[in-house]
Amino acid sequence: MIKIKDSAVVFIVAIMMCSIKKSASYRILCLHGSGGNGKLFEERLTPLKHFVQLERDDSYSISTLATSGTIEKCSRFEFLFPTAPFPAPTIGTITGTNDNRVWWQLPEGKRSFNANRLEGIHESLHIIDELTPFDAIISFSQGAMLAAVYLSNQIIEHHHHSSSDHDAVSKAVIKPLKCIFIGAGIPSCYSNLFKSIHAIQRNHDQNAGHFKTLHVVGRRDTVNPTYMGEELASVFNGQLYVHDDGHVIPLDNCSLEVIRKFIIDE
């Protein structure tokens, strides 16, 4: 039986753990796909959030605290779920609403991977800048394309600085440290940017900047087919994971374990 004094000690330890972990918060930016929003994406990623947090916090498990959910609340992981700035367009008989958002606007009949311009992407990139610093990105579909452009810009900036002052930048790191692209494609209007990134990655140490990428693609994806995700993985020299479903965020145990391991491994 736990005495009152013992309970008080457990409570104090829990508070101390929360304070320590909060001060060392690991911030994860989560970017939804076209037609979604931050709230819906957070709901969709709930299994992944729980899986990452509970696995990572396993060493802190105290039965009385776990039962009350305190462990989850004390997690050192902080998830950020911004909403895209533009209303989704009307598609066929489906009218976009304020709840359906996109990261950029497209000419009629165009897709993100074949449009000459992604109207409004700079506004979306600014939203990401406003949320810095963060340590990782989890991104899906159009949000994954946005994350790819953002990370590419970070690499270019890092490369330019390192060319002029190698010693100063040799210790610098690229943020985000890790980036997960799910169901991504390569926008053709940014093909030159990605070619530059591929050249930088090919000619330099893969660990330059200390960032890592995981590319999650579906064998049955008909929206952004598998080869698009494979191309993006090649650009960043990233880790490729192929699942058996379509254009979805895979939430089976195997996929969750791959994503969890990628996030928490040093």
C-alpha atoms as a PDB file:
ATOM      1  CA  MET A   1       0.000   0.000   0.000  1.00  0.00           C
ATOM      2  CA  ILE A   2       1.269   3.484  -0.913  1.00  0.00           C
ATOM      3  CA  LYS A   3       1.256   5.827   2.046  1.00  0.00           C
ATOM      4  CA  ILE A   4       0.384   9.506   1.793  1.00  0.00           C
ATOM      5  CA  LYS A   5       4.020  10.511   2.012  1.00  0.00           C
ATOM      6  CA  ASP A   6       4.935   8.024  -0.706  1.00  0.00           C
ATOM      7  CA  SER A   7       2.165   9.347  -2.931  1.00  0.00           C
ATOM      8  CA  ALA A   8       3.432  12.876  -2.395  1.00  0.00           C
ATOM      9  CA  VAL A   9       6.932  11.821  -3.415  1.00  0.00           C
ATOM     10  CA  VAL A  10       5.619  10.159  -6.584  1.00  0.00           C
ATOM     11  CA  PHE A  11       3.648  13.283  -7.422  1.00  0.00           C
ATOM     12  CA  ILE A  12       6.662  15.541  -6.892  1.00  0.00           C
ATOM     13  CA  VAL A  13       8.852  13.261  -9.025  1.00  0.00           C
ATOM     14  CA  ALA A  14       6.212  13.355 -11.767  1.00  0.00           C
ATOM     15  CA  ILE A  15       6.147  17.152 -11.715  1.00  0.00           C
ATOM     16  CA  MET A  16       9.943  17.254 -11.864  1.00  0.00           C
ATOM     17  CA  MET A  17       9.907  14.868 -14.801  1.00  0.00           C
ATOM     18  CA  CYS A  18       7.359  17.026 -16.599  1.00  0.00           C
ATOM     19  CA  SER A  19       9.470  20.141 -16.032  1.00  0.00           C
ATOM     20  CA  ILE A  20      12.669  18.504 -17.235  1.00  0.00           C
ATOM     21  CA  LYS A  21      11.035  17.016 -20.314  1.00  0.00           C
ATOM     22  CA  LYS A  22       9.187  20.199 -21.146  1.00  0.00           C
ATOM     23  CA  SER A  23      12.413  22.183 -21.072  1.00  0.00           C
ATOM     24  CA  ALA A  24      13.885  19.671 -23.537  1.00  0.00           C
ATOM     25  CA  SER A  25      10.819  19.629 -25.797  1.00  0.00           C
ATOM     26  CA  TYR A  26      11.208  17.934 -29.165  1.00  0.00           C
ATOM     27  CA  ARG A  27       8.986  19.898 -31.549  1.00  0.00           C
ATOM     28  CA  ILE A  28       7.412  18.127 -34.511  1.00  0.00           C
ATOM     29  CA  LEU A  29       5.735  20.158 -37.253  1.00  0.00           C
ATOM     30  CA  CYS A  30       2.860  18.284 -38.949  1.00  0.00           C
ATOM     31  CA  LEU A  31       1.722  19.434 -42.403  1.00  0.00           C
ATOM     32  CA  HIS A  32      -1.611  18.148 -43.738  1.00  0.00           C
ATOM     33  CA  GLY A  33      -2.449  17.383 -47.342  1.00  0.00           C
ATOM     34  CA  SER A  34      -4.622  19.224 -49.863  1.00  0.00           C
ATOM     35  CA  GLY A  35      -8.214  19.660 -48.691  1.00  0.00           C
ATOM     36  CA  GLY A  36      -7.391  19.055 -45.040  1.00  0.00           C
ATOM     37  CA  ASN A  37      -6.694  21.253 -42.042  1.00  0.00           C
ATOM     38  CA  GLY A  38      -4.625  21.165 -38.871  1.00  0.00           C
ATOM     39  CA  LYS A  39      -7.390  19.851 -36.608  1.00  0.00           C
ATOM     40  CA  LEU A  40      -8.355  16.973 -38.892  1.00  0.00           C
ATOM     41  CA  PHE A  41      -4.712  16.070 -39.425  1.00  0.00           C
ATOM     42  CA  GLU A  42      -4.141  15.971 -35.684  1.00  0.00           C
ATOM     43  CA  GLU A  43      -7.076  13.602 -35.316  1.00  0.00           C
ATOM     44  CA  ARG A  44      -5.708  11.452 -38.115  1.00  0.00           C
ATOM     45  CA  LEU A  45      -2.263  11.254 -36.529  1.00  0.00           C
ATOM     46  CA  THR A  46      -3.579  10.414 -33.038  1.00  0.00           C
ATOM     47  CA  PRO A  47      -2.449   6.752 -33.226  1.00  0.00           C
ATOM     48  CA  LEU A  48       1.023   7.848 -34.322  1.00  0.00           C
ATOM     49  CA  LYS A  49       1.247  10.494 -31.589  1.00  0.00           C
ATOM     50  CA  HIS A  50       0.332   7.962 -28.896  1.00  0.00           C
ATOM     51  CA  PHE A  51       2.667   5.343 -30.327  1.00  0.00           C
ATOM     52  CA  VAL A  52       5.661   7.695 -30.416  1.00  0.00           C
ATOM     53  CA  GLN A  53       5.043   9.210 -26.995  1.00  0.00           C
ATOM     54  CA  LEU A  54       4.283   6.027 -25.087  1.00  0.00           C
ATOM     55  CA  GLU A  55       7.200   4.166 -26.591  1.00  0.00           C
ATOM     56  CA  ARG A  56       9.599   7.019 -25.949  1.00  0.00           C
ATOM     57  CA  ASP A  57       8.352   7.524 -22.392  1.00  0.00           C
ATOM     58  CA  ASP A  58       8.325   3.857 -21.480  1.00  0.00           C
ATOM     59  CA  SER A  59      11.268   4.226 -19.105  1.00  0.00           C
ATOM     60  CA  TYR A  60       9.263   6.760 -17.092  1.00  0.00           C
ATOM     61  CA  SER A  61       6.246   4.522 -16.635  1.00  0.00           C
ATOM     62  CA  ILE A  62       4.671   4.643 -13.175  1.00  0.00           C
ATOM     63  CA  SER A  63       1.452   2.659 -13.006  1.00  0.00           C
ATOM     64  CA  THR A  64      -0.523   5.213 -11.036  1.00  0.00           C
ATOM     65  CA  LEU A  65       0.524   8.002 -13.395  1.00  0.00           C
ATOM     66  CA  ALA A  66       0.055   6.025 -16.575  1.00  0.00           C
ATOM     67  CA  THR A  67      -3.486   5.190 -15.523  1.00  0.00           C
ATOM     68  CA  SER A  68      -4.316   8.875 -15.128  1.00  0.00           C
ATOM     69  CA  GLY A  69      -2.690   9.815 -18.443  1.00  0.00           C
ATOM     70  CA  THR A  70      -0.045  12.000 -16.780  1.00  0.00           C
ATOM     71  CA  ILE A  71       2.757  10.294 -18.697  1.00  0.00           C
ATOM     72  CA  GLU A  72       1.250  11.323 -22.039  1.00  0.00           C
ATOM     73  CA  LYS A  73       0.736  14.892 -20.875  1.00  0.00           C
ATOM     74  CA  CYS A  74       4.367  15.043 -19.734  1.00  0.00           C
ATOM     75  CA  SER A  75       5.783  13.790 -23.040  1.00  0.00           C
ATOM     76  CA  ARG A  76       8.771  15.708 -24.292  1.00  0.00           C
ATOM     77  CA  PHE A  77       7.241  15.687 -27.774  1.00  0.00           C
ATOM     78  CA  GLU A  78       5.297  18.749 -28.868  1.00  0.00           C
ATOM     79  CA  PHE A  79       3.236  18.401 -32.052  1.00  0.00           C
ATOM     80  CA  LEU A  80       2.382  21.492 -34.119  1.00  0.00           C
ATOM     81  CA  PHE A  81      -0.573  21.371 -36.536  1.00  0.00           C
ATOM     82  CA  PRO A  82      -0.874  24.542 -38.636  1.00  0.00           C
ATOM     83  CA  THR A  83      -3.673  24.938 -41.186  1.00  0.00           C
ATOM     84  CA  ALA A  84      -3.000  25.912 -44.799  1.00  0.00           C
ATOM     85  CA  PRO A  85      -3.880  29.528 -45.706  1.00  0.00           C
ATOM     86  CA  PHE A  86      -6.077  29.013 -48.793  1.00  0.00           C
ATOM     87  CA  PRO A  87      -9.574  27.516 -49.221  1.00  0.00           C
ATOM     88  CA  ALA A  88      -9.696  24.376 -51.307  1.00  0.00           C
ATOM     89  CA  PRO A  89     -11.165  24.872 -54.801  1.00  0.00           C
ATOM     90  CA  THR A  90     -14.412  23.388 -56.019  1.00  0.00           C
ATOM     91  CA  ILE A  91     -13.800  20.006 -57.640  1.00  0.00           C
ATOM     92  CA  GLY A  92     -16.655  18.695 -59.753  1.00  0.00           C
ATOM     93  CA  THR A  93     -19.777  18.888 -57.595  1.00  0.00           C
ATOM     94  CA  ILE A  94     -17.740  19.161 -54.376  1.00  0.00           C
ATOM     95  CA  THR A  95     -17.411  22.726 -53.146  1.00  0.00           C
ATOM     96  CA  GLY A  96     -14.467  23.667 -50.981  1.00  0.00           C
ATOM     97  CA  THR A  97     -15.283  25.101 -47.555  1.00  0.00           C
ATOM     98  CA  ASN A  98     -13.389  26.986 -44.881  1.00  0.00           C
ATOM     99  CA  ASP A  99     -12.567  23.617 -43.336  1.00  0.00           C
ATOM    100  CA  ASN A 100     -10.898  22.377 -46.530  1.00  0.00           C
ATOM    101  CA  ARG A 101      -7.576  24.153 -47.047  1.00  0.00           C
ATOM    102  CA  VAL A 102      -4.638  24.029 -49.455  1.00  0.00           C
ATOM    103  CA  TRP A 103      -1.029  25.227 -49.181  1.00  0.00           C
ATOM    104  CA  TRP A 104      -1.135  26.862 -52.636  1.00  0.00           C
ATOM    105  CA  GLN A 105      -3.533  27.550 -55.467  1.00  0.00           C
ATOM    106  CA  LEU A 106      -3.370  25.960 -58.910  1.00  0.00           C
ATOM    107  CA  PRO A 107      -4.609  26.853 -62.403  1.00  0.00           C
ATOM    108  CA  GLU A 108      -7.679  24.911 -63.440  1.00  0.00           C
ATOM    109  CA  GLY A 109      -6.848  21.412 -64.610  1.00  0.00           C
ATOM    110  CA  LYS A 110      -3.347  21.446 -63.158  1.00  0.00           C
ATOM    111  CA  ARG A 111      -1.820  19.283 -60.428  1.00  0.00           C
ATOM    112  CA  SER A 112       0.968  20.289 -58.076  1.00  0.00           C
ATOM    113  CA  PHE A 113       3.496  18.116 -59.886  1.00  0.00           C
ATOM    114  CA  ASN A 114       2.850  19.607 -63.352  1.00  0.00           C
ATOM    115  CA  ALA A 115       1.891  23.242 -62.656  1.00  0.00           C
ATOM    116  CA  ASN A 116       4.184  26.033 -63.849  1.00  0.00           C
ATOM    117  CA  ARG A 117       3.725  27.876 -60.565  1.00  0.00           C
ATOM    118  CA  LEU A 118       2.466  27.132 -57.063  1.00  0.00           C
ATOM    119  CA  GLU A 119       0.583  30.336 -56.301  1.00  0.00           C
ATOM    120  CA  GLY A 120       0.870  31.261 -52.634  1.00  0.00           C
ATOM    121  CA  ILE A 121       3.607  28.811 -51.631  1.00  0.00           C
ATOM    122  CA  HIS A 122       5.733  31.630 -50.215  1.00  0.00           C
ATOM    123  CA  GLU A 123       2.922  32.505 -47.812  1.00  0.00           C
ATOM    124  CA  SER A 124       2.852  28.882 -46.678  1.00  0.00           C
ATOM    125  CA  LEU A 125       6.636  28.811 -46.295  1.00  0.00           C
ATOM    126  CA  HIS A 126       6.295  31.923 -44.125  1.00  0.00           C
ATOM    127  CA  ILE A 127       3.830  30.056 -41.872  1.00  0.00           C
ATOM    128  CA  ILE A 128       6.501  27.403 -41.339  1.00  0.00           C
ATOM    129  CA  ASP A 129       9.132  30.039 -40.584  1.00  0.00           C
ATOM    130  CA  GLU A 130       6.843  31.537 -37.953  1.00  0.00           C
ATOM    131  CA  LEU A 131       6.730  28.186 -36.144  1.00  0.00           C
ATOM    132  CA  THR A 132      10.480  27.699 -35.870  1.00  0.00           C
ATOM    133  CA  PRO A 133      12.360  26.258 -34.189  1.00  0.00           C
ATOM    134  CA  PHE A 134      11.254  22.661 -34.610  1.00  0.00           C
ATOM    135  CA  ASP A 135      13.195  19.417 -34.758  1.00  0.00           C
ATOM    136  CA  ALA A 136      11.224  17.287 -37.190  1.00  0.00           C
ATOM    137  CA  ILE A 137       8.478  17.398 -39.805  1.00  0.00           C
ATOM    138  CA  ILE A 138       5.768  14.837 -40.512  1.00  0.00           C
ATOM    139  CA  SER A 139       4.111  15.728 -43.816  1.00  0.00           C
ATOM    140  CA  PHE A 140       1.532  14.249 -46.152  1.00  0.00           C
ATOM    141  CA  SER A 141       0.818  14.728 -49.882  1.00  0.00           C
ATOM    142  CA  GLN A 142       0.715  18.463 -50.703  1.00  0.00           C
ATOM    143  CA  GLY A 143       2.102  19.166 -47.237  1.00  0.00           C
ATOM    144  CA  ALA A 144       4.976  16.792 -48.049  1.00  0.00           C
ATOM    145  CA  MET A 145       5.749  18.743 -51.225  1.00  0.00           C
ATOM    146  CA  LEU A 146       5.769  21.931 -49.162  1.00  0.00           C
ATOM    147  CA  ALA A 147       8.113  20.314 -46.637  1.00  0.00           C
ATOM    148  CA  ALA A 148      10.420  19.200 -49.467  1.00  0.00           C
ATOM    149  CA  VAL A 149      10.697  22.752 -50.778  1.00  0.00           C
ATOM    150  CA  TYR A 150      11.259  24.089 -47.255  1.00  0.00           C
ATOM    151  CA  LEU A 151      14.004  21.555 -46.478  1.00  0.00           C
ATOM    152  CA  SER A 152      15.626  22.217 -49.869  1.00  0.00           C
ATOM    153  CA  ASN A 153      15.798  25.929 -49.104  1.00  0.00           C
ATOM    154  CA  GLN A 154      17.424  25.118 -45.750  1.00  0.00           C
ATOM    155  CA  ILE A 155      20.033  22.935 -47.477  1.00  0.00           C
ATOM    156  CA  ILE A 156      20.814  25.622 -50.065  1.00  0.00           C
ATOM    157  CA  GLU A 157      21.260  28.222 -47.341  1.00  0.00           C
ATOM    158  CA  HIS A 158      23.479  25.883 -45.321  1.00  0.00           C
ATOM    159  CA  HIS A 159      25.541  25.052 -48.420  1.00  0.00           C
ATOM    160  CA  HIS A 160      26.083  28.710 -49.341  1.00  0.00           C
ATOM    161  CA  HIS A 161      27.232  29.540 -45.815  1.00  0.00           C
ATOM    162  CA  SER A 162      29.519  26.526 -45.655  1.00  0.00           C
ATOM    163  CA  SER A 163      31.129  27.536 -48.957  1.00  0.00           C
ATOM    164  CA  SER A 164      32.104  30.936 -47.551  1.00  0.00           C
ATOM    165  CA  ASP A 165      32.922  29.920 -43.958  1.00  0.00           C
ATOM    166  CA  HIS A 166      33.442  26.186 -43.684  1.00  0.00           C
ATOM    167  CA  ASP A 167      34.787  26.194 -40.117  1.00  0.00           C
ATOM    168  CA  ALA A 168      31.851  28.215 -38.757  1.00  0.00           C
ATOM    169  CA  VAL A 169      29.216  26.056 -40.401  1.00  0.00           C
ATOM    170  CA  SER A 170      30.867  22.677 -39.931  1.00  0.00           C
ATOM    171  CA  LYS A 171      29.276  22.532 -36.465  1.00  0.00           C
ATOM    172  CA  ALA A 172      25.931  23.947 -37.619  1.00  0.00           C
ATOM    173  CA  VAL A 173      22.932  21.746 -38.279  1.00  0.00           C
ATOM    174  CA  ILE A 174      20.016  21.991 -40.625  1.00  0.00           C
ATOM    175  CA  LYS A 175      16.625  22.280 -38.981  1.00  0.00           C
ATOM    176  CA  PRO A 176      14.511  20.205 -39.195  1.00  0.00           C
ATOM    177  CA  LEU A 177      16.851  17.445 -38.094  1.00  0.00           C
ATOM    178  CA  LYS A 178      14.470  14.840 -39.502  1.00  0.00           C
ATOM    179  CA  CYS A 179      11.751  15.015 -42.110  1.00  0.00           C
ATOM    180  CA  ILE A 180       9.117  12.404 -42.964  1.00  0.00           C
ATOM    181  CA  PHE A 181       7.484  12.661 -46.396  1.00  0.00           C
ATOM    182  CA  ILE A 182       4.324  10.572 -46.864  1.00  0.00           C
ATOM    183  CA  GLY A 183       2.733  10.267 -50.306  1.00  0.00           C
ATOM    184  CA  ALA A 184       4.933  13.010 -51.743  1.00  0.00           C
ATOM    185  CA  GLY A 185       5.699  14.105 -55.281  1.00  0.00           C
ATOM    186  CA  ILE A 186       8.126  16.510 -56.930  1.00  0.00           C
ATOM    187  CA  PRO A 187       6.607  19.760 -58.268  1.00  0.00           C
ATOM    188  CA  SER A 188       7.997  20.235 -61.788  1.00  0.00           C
ATOM    189  CA  CYS A 189       8.289  24.003 -61.298  1.00  0.00           C
ATOM    190  CA  TYR A 190      10.889  23.292 -58.600  1.00  0.00           C
ATOM    191  CA  SER A 191      12.808  20.697 -60.623  1.00  0.00           C
ATOM    192  CA  ASN A 192      15.924  22.892 -60.809  1.00  0.00           C
ATOM    193  CA  LEU A 193      15.912  23.329 -57.031  1.00  0.00           C
ATOM    194  CA  PHE A 194      15.727  19.573 -56.476  1.00  0.00           C
ATOM    195  CA  LYS A 195      18.450  18.947 -59.069  1.00  0.00           C
ATOM    196  CA  SER A 196      20.679  21.319 -57.106  1.00  0.00           C
ATOM    197  CA  ILE A 197      19.886  19.505 -53.871  1.00  0.00           C
ATOM    198  CA  HIS A 198      20.646  16.146 -55.473  1.00  0.00           C
ATOM    199  CA  ALA A 199      24.017  17.468 -56.668  1.00  0.00           C
ATOM    200  CA  ILE A 200      24.848  18.837 -53.211  1.00  0.00           C
ATOM    201  CA  GLN A 201      23.912  15.566 -51.544  1.00  0.00           C
ATOM    202  CA  ARG A 202      25.844  13.515 -54.097  1.00  0.00           C
ATOM    203  CA  ASN A 203      29.027  15.568 -53.789  1.00  0.00           C
ATOM    204  CA  HIS A 204      29.077  15.979 -50.019  1.00  0.00           C
ATOM    205  CA  ASP A 205      28.982  13.853 -46.925  1.00  0.00           C
ATOM    206  CA  GLN A 206      25.432  12.574 -46.494  1.00  0.00           C
ATOM    207  CA  ASN A 207      25.577  13.661 -42.874  1.00  0.00           C
ATOM    208  CA  ALA A 208      26.436  17.268 -43.717  1.00  0.00           C
ATOM    209  CA  GLY A 209      23.953  19.306 -41.746  1.00  0.00           C
ATOM    210  CA  HIS A 210      23.043  16.178 -39.720  1.00  0.00           C
ATOM    211  CA  PHE A 211      19.501  15.918 -41.144  1.00  0.00           C
ATOM    212  CA  LYS A 212      17.784  12.687 -42.174  1.00  0.00           C
ATOM    213  CA  THR A 213      14.730  11.992 -44.337  1.00  0.00           C
ATOM    214  CA  LEU A 214      12.227   9.128 -44.430  1.00  0.00           C
ATOM    215  CA  HIS A 215      10.092   8.676 -47.552  1.00  0.00           C
ATOM    216  CA  VAL A 216       6.870   6.709 -47.050  1.00  0.00           C
ATOM    217  CA  VAL A 217       5.212   5.628 -50.300  1.00  0.00           C
ATOM    218  CA  GLY A 218       2.288   3.362 -51.157  1.00  0.00           C
ATOM    219  CA  ARG A 219       2.450   0.633 -53.790  1.00  0.00           C
ATOM    220  CA  ARG A 220      -1.176   1.379 -54.709  1.00  0.00           C
ATOM    221  CA  ASP A 221      -0.905   5.167 -54.637  1.00  0.00           C
ATOM    222  CA  THR A 222      -2.649   6.530 -57.753  1.00  0.00           C
ATOM    223  CA  VAL A 223      -2.532  10.187 -56.627  1.00  0.00           C
ATOM    224  CA  ASN A 224       1.237  10.524 -56.271  1.00  0.00           C
ATOM    225  CA  PRO A 225       2.513   7.196 -57.641  1.00  0.00           C
ATOM    226  CA  THR A 226       5.332   5.277 -55.984  1.00  0.00           C
ATOM    227  CA  TYR A 227       8.018   6.458 -58.402  1.00  0.00           C
ATOM    228  CA  MET A 228       7.478  10.082 -57.305  1.00  0.00           C
ATOM    229  CA  GLY A 229       8.299   9.254 -53.695  1.00  0.00           C
ATOM    230  CA  GLU A 230      11.266   7.201 -54.849  1.00  0.00           C
ATOM    231  CA  GLU A 231      12.569  10.168 -56.859  1.00  0.00           C
ATOM    232  CA  LEU A 232      12.313  12.437 -53.831  1.00  0.00           C
ATOM    233  CA  ALA A 233      14.137   9.858 -51.701  1.00  0.00           C
ATOM    234  CA  SER A 234      16.912   9.861 -54.285  1.00  0.00           C
ATOM    235  CA  VAL A 235      17.136  13.671 -54.155  1.00  0.00           C
ATOM    236  CA  PHE A 236      17.799  13.688 -50.402  1.00  0.00           C
ATOM    237  CA  ASN A 237      19.655  10.351 -50.221  1.00  0.00           C
ATOM    238  CA  GLY A 238      16.891   9.395 -47.796  1.00  0.00           C
ATOM    239  CA  GLN A 239      15.478   6.204 -46.323  1.00  0.00           C
ATOM    240  CA  LEU A 240      12.665   4.651 -48.383  1.00  0.00           C
ATOM    241  CA  TYR A 241       9.753   2.738 -46.852  1.00  0.00           C
ATOM    242  CA  VAL A 242       7.106   1.212 -49.131  1.00  0.00           C
ATOM    243  CA  HIS A 243       3.755   0.034 -47.745  1.00  0.00           C
ATOM    244  CA  ASP A 244       1.002  -1.922 -49.480  1.00  0.00           C
ATOM    245  CA  ASP A 245      -1.784   0.698 -49.382  1.00  0.00           C
ATOM    246  CA  GLY A 246      -2.611   3.727 -51.516  1.00  0.00           C
ATOM    247  CA  HIS A 247      -2.473   7.491 -50.949  1.00  0.00           C
ATOM    248  CA  VAL A 248      -2.878   7.292 -47.183  1.00  0.00           C
ATOM    249  CA  ILE A 249      -0.969   7.692 -43.950  1.00  0.00           C
ATOM    250  CA  PRO A 250      -0.247   4.061 -43.027  1.00  0.00           C
ATOM    251  CA  LEU A 251      -1.171   3.389 -39.396  1.00  0.00           C
ATOM    252  CA  ASP A 252      -0.582  -0.354 -39.172  1.00  0.00           C
ATOM    253  CA  ASN A 253       1.826  -1.509 -36.468  1.00  0.00           C
ATOM    254  CA  CYS A 254       4.677  -2.165 -38.899  1.00  0.00           C
ATOM    255  CA  SER A 255       4.471   1.330 -40.413  1.00  0.00           C
ATOM    256  CA  LEU A 256       4.078   2.984 -37.017  1.00  0.00           C
ATOM    257  CA  GLU A 257       7.191   1.202 -35.781  1.00  0.00           C
ATOM    258  CA  VAL A 258       9.221   2.374 -38.793  1.00  0.00           C
ATOM    259  CA  ILE A 259       8.143   5.988 -38.229  1.00  0.00           C
ATOM    260  CA  ARG A 260       8.627   5.778 -34.452  1.00  0.00           C
ATOM    261  CA  LYS A 261      12.121   4.348 -34.819  1.00  0.00           C
ATOM    262  CA  PHE A 262      13.061   7.035 -37.336  1.00  0.00           C
ATOM    263  CA  ILE A 263      11.894   9.806 -34.994  1.00  0.00           C
ATOM    264  CA  ILE A 264      13.404   8.612 -31.723  1.00  0.00           C
ATOM    265  CA  ASP A 265      16.680   7.064 -32.930  1.00  0.00           C
ATOM    266  CA  GLU A 266      19.696   9.322 -32.626  1.00  0.00           C
END
